[in-house]
Amino acid sequence: MKIQYLLVFTFTVYYWTVDSSFCTLLTTCEGENLQSCVTQAESILQNTNMTFPDDNTTLQVVCSMWDDMTSCMQNYTKRCLTYKENQEFHQYFQEPMRSMKTVCFDQESTK
C-alpha cells in the first residue's frame, strides 16, 4: 500500500513539474481552484495601470493575464459546473471575453 502511494505521489510530482496543466486534472472542484482564477482577475482590477493599459508592454501583460484567467475559468466551468450552469456562465461572460480577445488580437496584429 505504501509503495502504491509513493508511486502515485512520485508520478504526480513529476507531472506537476513537467506540465503544470496536468495539475488541473488532479484538482477537485473546491473553492481554491476558483479562487486562483479570481485572484488573477483581482490583480488586473486592483492595478489602475493594468485596468487601463496605456502602452503596448502593459497591454501585452494584461492580455497574457487575461488569457490565463479565462483559461482557468473555462477549465473550472467545464469540470465543475453542470451543463446549465456552464451555459449561464458563458451567457454572462461571453461578451467581456470576446471584447478582450478583440483588444488583444488587434494589439498583436499591429506589431
Protein backbone atom coordinates (compact mmCIF):
# COMPACT_ATOMS: atom_id res chain seq x y z
CA MET A 1 0.00 0.00 0.00
CA LYS A 2 2.79 2.45 0.90
CA ILE A 3 4.59 1.63 -2.35
CA GLN A 4 1.45 2.39 -4.36
CA TYR A 5 1.04 5.69 -2.51
CA LEU A 6 4.68 6.57 -3.14
CA LEU A 7 4.37 5.73 -6.85
CA VAL A 8 1.25 7.87 -7.20
CA PHE A 9 2.92 10.71 -5.30
CA THR A 10 6.10 10.48 -7.42
CA PHE A 11 4.07 10.36 -10.63
CA THR A 12 2.05 13.39 -9.51
CA VAL A 13 5.10 15.46 -8.55
CA TYR A 14 6.86 14.52 -11.78
CA TYR A 15 3.97 15.66 -13.93
CA TRP A 16 3.41 18.73 -11.78
CA THR A 17 6.93 19.88 -12.58
CA VAL A 18 6.84 18.78 -16.22
CA ASP A 19 3.42 20.10 -17.18
CA SER A 20 1.52 22.40 -14.84
CA SER A 21 -1.68 21.96 -16.86
CA PHE A 22 -1.70 18.33 -15.71
CA CYS A 23 -2.25 19.60 -12.17
CA THR A 24 -5.67 20.85 -13.09
CA LEU A 25 -6.64 17.27 -13.84
CA LEU A 26 -5.69 16.30 -10.32
CA THR A 27 -7.59 19.05 -8.54
CA THR A 28 -11.14 18.90 -7.33
CA CYS A 29 -13.95 21.39 -7.75
CA GLU A 30 -13.40 23.01 -4.39
CA GLY A 31 -13.23 26.77 -3.93
CA GLU A 32 -9.45 27.01 -4.04
CA ASN A 33 -9.41 26.31 -7.79
CA LEU A 34 -11.94 29.02 -8.47
CA GLN A 35 -10.15 31.32 -6.04
CA SER A 36 -6.95 31.04 -8.10
CA CYS A 37 -8.90 32.26 -11.15
CA VAL A 38 -10.42 35.13 -9.17
CA THR A 39 -7.00 36.12 -7.82
CA GLN A 40 -5.77 36.52 -11.38
CA ALA A 41 -8.68 38.86 -12.16
CA GLU A 42 -8.14 40.86 -8.97
CA SER A 43 -4.53 41.59 -9.90
CA ILE A 44 -5.76 43.24 -13.11
CA LEU A 45 -8.63 45.13 -11.49
CA GLN A 46 -6.68 46.43 -8.48
CA ASN A 47 -3.91 47.99 -10.56
CA THR A 48 -5.13 51.05 -12.48
CA ASN A 49 -2.20 50.74 -14.87
CA MET A 50 -3.46 47.25 -15.72
CA THR A 51 -7.13 48.26 -15.84
CA PHE A 52 -6.42 50.95 -18.43
CA PRO A 53 -3.12 49.99 -20.09
CA ASP A 54 -1.52 52.93 -21.84
CA ASP A 55 1.37 51.23 -23.60
CA ASN A 56 1.96 48.04 -25.57
CA THR A 57 4.10 46.40 -22.90
CA THR A 58 1.39 46.74 -20.25
CA LEU A 59 -1.24 45.65 -22.74
CA GLN A 60 0.76 42.51 -23.50
CA VAL A 61 0.95 41.73 -19.78
CA VAL A 62 -2.79 42.32 -19.35
CA CYS A 63 -3.61 40.15 -22.38
CA SER A 64 -1.43 37.35 -21.07
CA MET A 65 -3.01 37.58 -17.62
CA TRP A 66 -6.49 37.73 -19.16
CA ASP A 67 -5.76 34.67 -21.29
CA ASP A 68 -4.55 32.75 -18.23
CA MET A 69 -7.58 33.83 -16.21
CA THR A 70 -10.11 32.89 -18.90
CA SER A 71 -8.41 29.53 -19.44
CA CYS A 72 -8.60 28.93 -15.71
CA MET A 73 -12.29 29.88 -15.60
CA GLN A 74 -13.16 27.80 -18.65
CA ASN A 75 -11.33 24.80 -17.25
CA TYR A 76 -13.15 25.21 -13.94
CA THR A 77 -16.58 25.57 -15.58
CA LYS A 78 -16.05 22.53 -17.81
CA ARG A 79 -15.02 20.35 -14.90
CA CYS A 80 -17.18 21.65 -12.11
CA LEU A 81 -20.44 23.12 -13.39
CA THR A 82 -23.49 21.40 -14.75
CA TYR A 83 -24.37 21.92 -18.39
CA LYS A 84 -26.97 24.54 -17.46
CA GLU A 85 -24.60 26.38 -15.10
CA ASN A 86 -21.93 26.32 -17.79
CA GLN A 87 -24.37 27.83 -20.29
CA GLU A 88 -25.31 30.58 -17.81
CA PHE A 89 -21.67 31.36 -17.11
CA HIS A 90 -20.91 31.74 -20.80
CA GLN A 91 -24.03 33.84 -21.32
CA TYR A 92 -22.82 36.37 -18.75
CA PHE A 93 -19.13 36.36 -19.61
CA GLN A 94 -19.16 35.79 -23.36
CA GLU A 95 -19.15 39.49 -24.26
CA PRO A 96 -16.29 40.56 -21.94
CA MET A 97 -14.27 37.58 -23.17
CA ARG A 98 -14.97 38.49 -26.77
CA SER A 99 -14.06 42.14 -26.14
CA MET A 100 -10.73 41.29 -24.55
CA LYS A 101 -9.90 38.85 -27.33
CA THR A 102 -10.60 41.63 -29.83
CA VAL A 103 -8.40 44.11 -27.95
CA CYS A 104 -5.58 41.62 -27.54
CA PHE A 105 -5.83 40.28 -31.08
CA ASP A 106 -5.85 43.81 -32.53
CA GLN A 107 -2.85 44.65 -30.38
CA GLU A 108 -0.95 41.60 -31.65
CA SER A 109 -1.88 42.22 -35.27
CA THR A 110 -0.49 45.78 -35.16
CA LYS A 111 3.01 44.68 -34.13
